[in-house]
PDB file of all heavy atoms in Angstrom:
ATOM      1  N   ASN A   1       8.602 -12.580   7.178  1.00  0.00           N
ATOM      2  CA  ASN A   1       7.603 -13.645   7.169  1.00  0.00           C
ATOM      3  C   ASN A   1       6.427 -13.231   6.288  1.00  0.00           C
ATOM      4  O   ASN A   1       6.300 -12.070   5.902  1.00  0.00           O
ATOM      5  CB  ASN A   1       7.158 -14.026   8.593  1.00  0.00           C
ATOM      6  CG  ASN A   1       6.406 -12.913   9.293  1.00  0.00           C
ATOM      7  OD1 ASN A   1       5.576 -12.243   8.698  1.00  0.00           O
ATOM      8  ND2 ASN A   1       6.692 -12.725  10.572  1.00  0.00           N
ATOM      9  N   LYS A   2       5.563 -14.181   5.969  1.00  0.00           N
ATOM     10  CA  LYS A   2       4.476 -13.931   5.013  1.00  0.00           C
ATOM     11  C   LYS A   2       3.510 -12.859   5.496  1.00  0.00           C
ATOM     12  O   LYS A   2       2.978 -12.090   4.701  1.00  0.00           O
ATOM     13  CB  LYS A   2       3.724 -15.231   4.729  1.00  0.00           C
ATOM     14  CG  LYS A   2       4.532 -16.197   3.896  1.00  0.00           C
ATOM     15  CD  LYS A   2       3.727 -17.396   3.471  1.00  0.00           C
ATOM     16  CE  LYS A   2       4.582 -18.292   2.600  1.00  0.00           C
ATOM     17  NZ  LYS A   2       3.838 -19.403   2.017  1.00  0.00           N
ATOM     18  N   ILE A   3       3.284 -12.789   6.789  1.00  0.00           N
ATOM     19  CA  ILE A   3       2.362 -11.781   7.339  1.00  0.00           C
ATOM     20  C   ILE A   3       2.924 -10.381   7.104  1.00  0.00           C
ATOM     21  O   ILE A   3       2.199  -9.469   6.704  1.00  0.00           O
ATOM     22  CB  ILE A   3       2.097 -12.017   8.844  1.00  0.00           C
ATOM     23  CG1 ILE A   3       1.341 -13.331   9.026  1.00  0.00           C
ATOM     24  CG2 ILE A   3       1.338 -10.859   9.457  1.00  0.00           C
ATOM     25  CD1 ILE A   3       1.219 -13.787  10.451  1.00  0.00           C
ATOM     26  N   HIS A   4       4.220 -10.214   7.330  1.00  0.00           N
ATOM     27  CA  HIS A   4       4.838  -8.901   7.117  1.00  0.00           C
ATOM     28  C   HIS A   4       4.879  -8.530   5.636  1.00  0.00           C
ATOM     29  O   HIS A   4       4.673  -7.368   5.283  1.00  0.00           O
ATOM     30  CB  HIS A   4       6.238  -8.866   7.723  1.00  0.00           C
ATOM     31  CG  HIS A   4       6.225  -8.971   9.217  1.00  0.00           C
ATOM     32  ND1 HIS A   4       7.301  -9.420   9.939  1.00  0.00           N
ATOM     33  CD2 HIS A   4       5.262  -8.705  10.127  1.00  0.00           C
ATOM     34  CE1 HIS A   4       7.012  -9.419  11.230  1.00  0.00           C
ATOM     35  NE2 HIS A   4       5.770  -8.995  11.359  1.00  0.00           N
ATOM     36  N   VAL A   5       5.123  -9.522   4.771  1.00  0.00           N
ATOM     37  CA  VAL A   5       5.087  -9.261   3.324  1.00  0.00           C
ATOM     38  C   VAL A   5       3.694  -8.795   2.941  1.00  0.00           C
ATOM     39  O   VAL A   5       3.531  -7.813   2.193  1.00  0.00           O
ATOM     40  CB  VAL A   5       5.485 -10.523   2.518  1.00  0.00           C
ATOM     41  CG1 VAL A   5       5.211 -10.327   1.031  1.00  0.00           C
ATOM     42  CG2 VAL A   5       6.953 -10.866   2.743  1.00  0.00           C
ATOM     43  N   GLU A   6       2.671  -9.471   3.461  1.00  0.00           N
ATOM     44  CA  GLU A   6       1.286  -9.102   3.153  1.00  0.00           C
ATOM     45  C   GLU A   6       0.970  -7.696   3.657  1.00  0.00           C
ATOM     46  O   GLU A   6       0.326  -6.903   2.966  1.00  0.00           O
ATOM     47  CB  GLU A   6       0.324 -10.120   3.786  1.00  0.00           C
ATOM     48  CG  GLU A   6      -1.125  -9.896   3.442  1.00  0.00           C
ATOM     49  CD  GLU A   6      -1.408  -9.973   1.945  1.00  0.00           C
ATOM     50  OE1 GLU A   6      -0.722 -10.726   1.234  1.00  0.00           O
ATOM     51  OE2 GLU A   6      -2.322  -9.255   1.490  1.00  0.00           O
ATOM     52  N   THR A   7       1.435  -7.367   4.852  1.00  0.00           N
ATOM     53  CA  THR A   7       1.213  -6.024   5.417  1.00  0.00           C
ATOM     54  C   THR A   7       1.822  -4.952   4.528  1.00  0.00           C
ATOM     55  O   THR A   7       1.183  -3.944   4.221  1.00  0.00           O
ATOM     56  CB  THR A   7       1.826  -5.938   6.840  1.00  0.00           C
ATOM     57  OG1 THR A   7       1.194  -6.903   7.670  1.00  0.00           O
ATOM     58  CG2 THR A   7       1.660  -4.561   7.438  1.00  0.00           C
ATOM     59  N   ILE A   8       3.060  -5.179   4.100  1.00  0.00           N
ATOM     60  CA  ILE A   8       3.745  -4.215   3.238  1.00  0.00           C
ATOM     61  C   ILE A   8       3.014  -4.083   1.900  1.00  0.00           C
ATOM     62  O   ILE A   8       2.794  -2.977   1.410  1.00  0.00           O
ATOM     63  CB  ILE A   8       5.219  -4.618   3.037  1.00  0.00           C
ATOM     64  CG1 ILE A   8       5.973  -4.488   4.363  1.00  0.00           C
ATOM     65  CG2 ILE A   8       5.882  -3.775   1.956  1.00  0.00           C
ATOM     66  CD1 ILE A   8       7.331  -5.160   4.375  1.00  0.00           C
ATOM     67  N   CYS A   9       2.617  -5.207   1.318  1.00  0.00           N
ATOM     68  CA  CYS A   9       1.929  -5.178   0.024  1.00  0.00           C
ATOM     69  C   CYS A   9       0.596  -4.441   0.118  1.00  0.00           C
ATOM     70  O   CYS A   9       0.254  -3.655  -0.770  1.00  0.00           O
ATOM     71  CB  CYS A   9       1.720  -6.602  -0.495  1.00  0.00           C
ATOM     72  SG  CYS A   9       3.259  -7.369  -1.047  1.00  0.00           S
ATOM     73  N   GLN A  10      -0.147  -4.676   1.185  1.00  0.00           N
ATOM     74  CA  GLN A  10      -1.422  -3.960   1.362  1.00  0.00           C
ATOM     75  C   GLN A  10      -1.170  -2.461   1.513  1.00  0.00           C
ATOM     76  O   GLN A  10      -1.890  -1.640   0.932  1.00  0.00           O
ATOM     77  CB  GLN A  10      -2.163  -4.479   2.597  1.00  0.00           C
ATOM     78  CG  GLN A  10      -2.816  -5.825   2.388  1.00  0.00           C
ATOM     79  CD  GLN A  10      -3.507  -6.326   3.646  1.00  0.00           C
ATOM     80  OE1 GLN A  10      -3.289  -5.814   4.750  1.00  0.00           O
ATOM     81  NE2 GLN A  10      -4.333  -7.342   3.488  1.00  0.00           N
ATOM     82  N   TYR A  11      -0.146  -2.122   2.286  1.00  0.00           N
ATOM     83  CA  TYR A  11       0.185  -0.711   2.475  1.00  0.00           C
ATOM     84  C   TYR A  11       0.533  -0.060   1.134  1.00  0.00           C
ATOM     85  O   TYR A  11       0.028   1.013   0.800  1.00  0.00           O
ATOM     86  CB  TYR A  11       1.345  -0.520   3.462  1.00  0.00           C
ATOM     87  CG  TYR A  11       1.815   0.899   3.448  1.00  0.00           C
ATOM     88  CD1 TYR A  11       1.133   1.875   4.176  1.00  0.00           C
ATOM     89  CD2 TYR A  11       2.869   1.300   2.632  1.00  0.00           C
ATOM     90  CE1 TYR A  11       1.509   3.200   4.103  1.00  0.00           C
ATOM     91  CE2 TYR A  11       3.250   2.625   2.560  1.00  0.00           C
ATOM     92  CZ  TYR A  11       2.576   3.571   3.298  1.00  0.00           C
ATOM     93  OH  TYR A  11       2.940   4.896   3.213  1.00  0.00           O
ATOM     94  N   VAL A  12       1.419  -0.700   0.363  1.00  0.00           N
ATOM     95  CA  VAL A  12       1.876  -0.118  -0.905  1.00  0.00           C
ATOM     96  C   VAL A  12       0.698   0.073  -1.859  1.00  0.00           C
ATOM     97  O   VAL A  12       0.602   1.104  -2.545  1.00  0.00           O
ATOM     98  CB  VAL A  12       2.987  -0.983  -1.544  1.00  0.00           C
ATOM     99  CG1 VAL A  12       3.297  -0.518  -2.955  1.00  0.00           C
ATOM    100  CG2 VAL A  12       4.248  -0.938  -0.685  1.00  0.00           C
ATOM    101  N   THR A  13      -0.223  -0.891  -1.890  1.00  0.00           N
ATOM    102  CA  THR A  13      -1.408  -0.768  -2.747  1.00  0.00           C
ATOM    103  C   THR A  13      -2.207   0.478  -2.366  1.00  0.00           C
ATOM    104  O   THR A  13      -2.608   1.262  -3.231  1.00  0.00           O
ATOM    105  CB  THR A  13      -2.284  -2.030  -2.639  1.00  0.00           C
ATOM    106  OG1 THR A  13      -1.526  -3.147  -3.136  1.00  0.00           O
ATOM    107  CG2 THR A  13      -3.566  -1.889  -3.443  1.00  0.00           C
ATOM    108  N   GLU A  14      -2.419   0.671  -1.071  1.00  0.00           N
ATOM    109  CA  GLU A  14      -3.185   1.845  -0.620  1.00  0.00           C
ATOM    110  C   GLU A  14      -2.415   3.138  -0.832  1.00  0.00           C
ATOM    111  O   GLU A  14      -2.992   4.170  -1.165  1.00  0.00           O
ATOM    112  CB  GLU A  14      -3.587   1.683   0.849  1.00  0.00           C
ATOM    113  CG  GLU A  14      -4.658   0.628   1.053  1.00  0.00           C
ATOM    114  CD  GLU A  14      -5.300   0.725   2.427  1.00  0.00           C
ATOM    115  OE1 GLU A  14      -5.644   1.850   2.859  1.00  0.00           O
ATOM    116  OE2 GLU A  14      -5.437  -0.323   3.064  1.00  0.00           O
ATOM    117  N   HIS A  15      -1.102   3.094  -0.637  1.00  0.00           N
ATOM    118  CA  HIS A  15      -0.260   4.273  -0.844  1.00  0.00           C
ATOM    119  C   HIS A  15      -0.351   4.715  -2.311  1.00  0.00           C
ATOM    120  O   HIS A  15      -0.555   5.897  -2.602  1.00  0.00           O
ATOM    121  CB  HIS A  15       1.184   3.945  -0.464  1.00  0.00           C
ATOM    122  CG  HIS A  15       2.106   5.119  -0.497  1.00  0.00           C
ATOM    123  ND1 HIS A  15       2.935   5.429   0.535  1.00  0.00           N
ATOM    124  CD2 HIS A  15       2.355   6.071  -1.444  1.00  0.00           C
ATOM    125  CE1 HIS A  15       3.653   6.514   0.230  1.00  0.00           C
ATOM    126  NE2 HIS A  15       3.314   6.906  -0.978  1.00  0.00           N
ATOM    127  N   LEU A  16      -0.191   3.767  -3.227  1.00  0.00           N
ATOM    128  CA  LEU A  16      -0.250   4.096  -4.654  1.00  0.00           C
ATOM    129  C   LEU A  16      -1.630   4.614  -5.053  1.00  0.00           C
ATOM    130  O   LEU A  16      -1.750   5.529  -5.867  1.00  0.00           O
ATOM    131  CB  LEU A  16       0.123   2.878  -5.498  1.00  0.00           C
ATOM    132  CG  LEU A  16       1.605   2.502  -5.482  1.00  0.00           C
ATOM    133  CD1 LEU A  16       1.839   1.187  -6.211  1.00  0.00           C
ATOM    134  CD2 LEU A  16       2.470   3.602  -6.070  1.00  0.00           C
ATOM    135  N   LYS A  17      -2.667   4.035  -4.487  1.00  0.00           N
ATOM    136  CA  LYS A  17      -4.028   4.510  -4.788  1.00  0.00           C
ATOM    137  C   LYS A  17      -4.200   5.953  -4.317  1.00  0.00           C
ATOM    138  O   LYS A  17      -4.742   6.795  -5.030  1.00  0.00           O
ATOM    139  CB  LYS A  17      -5.070   3.604  -4.142  1.00  0.00           C
ATOM    140  CG  LYS A  17      -6.500   4.022  -4.473  1.00  0.00           C
ATOM    141  CD  LYS A  17      -7.507   3.044  -3.949  1.00  0.00           C
ATOM    142  CE  LYS A  17      -8.937   3.365  -4.310  1.00  0.00           C
ATOM    143  NZ  LYS A  17      -9.277   4.661  -4.755  1.00  0.00           N
ATOM    144  N   ALA A  18      -3.714   6.247  -3.111  1.00  0.00           N
ATOM    145  CA  ALA A  18      -3.811   7.614  -2.580  1.00  0.00           C
ATOM    146  C   ALA A  18      -3.037   8.587  -3.472  1.00  0.00           C
ATOM    147  O   ALA A  18      -3.484   9.710  -3.710  1.00  0.00           O
ATOM    148  CB  ALA A  18      -3.295   7.667  -1.145  1.00  0.00           C
ATOM    149  N   PHE A  19      -1.882   8.154  -3.985  1.00  0.00           N
ATOM    150  CA  PHE A  19      -1.092   9.010  -4.871  1.00  0.00           C
ATOM    151  C   PHE A  19      -1.819   9.234  -6.193  1.00  0.00           C
ATOM    152  O   PHE A  19      -1.932  10.361  -6.664  1.00  0.00           O
ATOM    153  CB  PHE A  19       0.283   8.379  -5.108  1.00  0.00           C
ATOM    154  CG  PHE A  19       1.130   9.157  -6.075  1.00  0.00           C
ATOM    155  CD1 PHE A  19       1.659  10.388  -5.728  1.00  0.00           C
ATOM    156  CD2 PHE A  19       1.394   8.655  -7.345  1.00  0.00           C
ATOM    157  CE1 PHE A  19       2.439  11.118  -6.628  1.00  0.00           C
ATOM    158  CE2 PHE A  19       2.171   9.367  -8.248  1.00  0.00           C
ATOM    159  CZ  PHE A  19       2.691  10.601  -7.885  1.00  0.00           C
ATOM    160  N   LYS A  20      -2.320   8.166  -6.795  1.00  0.00           N
ATOM    161  CA  LYS A  20      -3.017   8.289  -8.083  1.00  0.00           C
ATOM    162  C   LYS A  20      -4.303   9.099  -7.956  1.00  0.00           C
ATOM    163  O   LYS A  20      -4.712   9.769  -8.899  1.00  0.00           O
ATOM    164  CB  LYS A  20      -3.320   6.899  -8.646  1.00  0.00           C
ATOM    165  CG  LYS A  20      -2.083   6.180  -9.149  1.00  0.00           C
ATOM    166  CD  LYS A  20      -2.420   4.800  -9.666  1.00  0.00           C
ATOM    167  CE  LYS A  20      -1.183   4.100 -10.196  1.00  0.00           C
ATOM    168  NZ  LYS A  20      -1.470   2.745 -10.691  1.00  0.00           N
ATOM    169  N   ASP A  21      -4.942   9.029  -6.784  1.00  0.00           N
ATOM    170  CA  ASP A  21      -6.180   9.789  -6.540  1.00  0.00           C
ATOM    171  C   ASP A  21      -5.898  11.220  -6.081  1.00  0.00           C
ATOM    172  O   ASP A  21      -6.812  11.940  -5.691  1.00  0.00           O
ATOM    173  CB  ASP A  21      -7.054   9.083  -5.505  1.00  0.00           C
ATOM    174  CG  ASP A  21      -7.612   7.759  -6.007  1.00  0.00           C
ATOM    175  OD1 ASP A  21      -7.550   7.508  -7.229  1.00  0.00           O
ATOM    176  OD2 ASP A  21      -8.113   6.973  -5.172  1.00  0.00           O
ATOM    177  N   ALA A  22      -4.620  11.619  -6.069  1.00  0.00           N
ATOM    178  CA  ALA A  22      -4.179  12.969  -5.682  1.00  0.00           C
ATOM    179  C   ALA A  22      -4.522  13.306  -4.236  1.00  0.00           C
ATOM    180  O   ALA A  22      -4.696  14.463  -3.886  1.00  0.00           O
ATOM    181  CB  ALA A  22      -4.751  14.014  -6.630  1.00  0.00           C
ATOM    182  N   LYS A  23      -4.561  12.292  -3.364  1.00  0.00           N
ATOM    183  CA  LYS A  23      -4.767  12.539  -1.936  1.00  0.00           C
ATOM    184  C   LYS A  23      -3.438  12.845  -1.246  1.00  0.00           C
ATOM    185  O   LYS A  23      -3.414  13.439  -0.181  1.00  0.00           O
ATOM    186  CB  LYS A  23      -5.446  11.338  -1.280  1.00  0.00           C
ATOM    187  CG  LYS A  23      -6.872  11.139  -1.759  1.00  0.00           C
ATOM    188  CD  LYS A  23      -7.512   9.941  -1.112  1.00  0.00           C
ATOM    189  CE  LYS A  23      -8.933   9.776  -1.633  1.00  0.00           C
ATOM    190  NZ  LYS A  23      -9.526   8.523  -1.187  1.00  0.00           N
ATOM    191  N   ILE A  24      -2.351  12.375  -1.873  1.00  0.00           N
ATOM    192  CA  ILE A  24      -1.002  12.662  -1.381  1.00  0.00           C
ATOM    193  C   ILE A  24      -0.124  13.030  -2.571  1.00  0.00           C
ATOM    194  O   ILE A  24      -0.443  12.701  -3.712  1.00  0.00           O
ATOM    195  CB  ILE A  24      -0.381  11.462  -0.612  1.00  0.00           C
ATOM    196  CG1 ILE A  24      -0.296  10.226  -1.520  1.00  0.00           C
ATOM    197  CG2 ILE A  24      -1.138  11.169   0.667  1.00  0.00           C
ATOM    198  CD1 ILE A  24       0.475   9.070  -0.926  1.00  0.00           C
TER     199      ILE A  24
END
């Protein structure tokens, strides 16, 4: 559903930011 798609997309955005910022 759209809520779950939004949750996943928000997570992936933060995950990628953490990776690019060398936090993970």
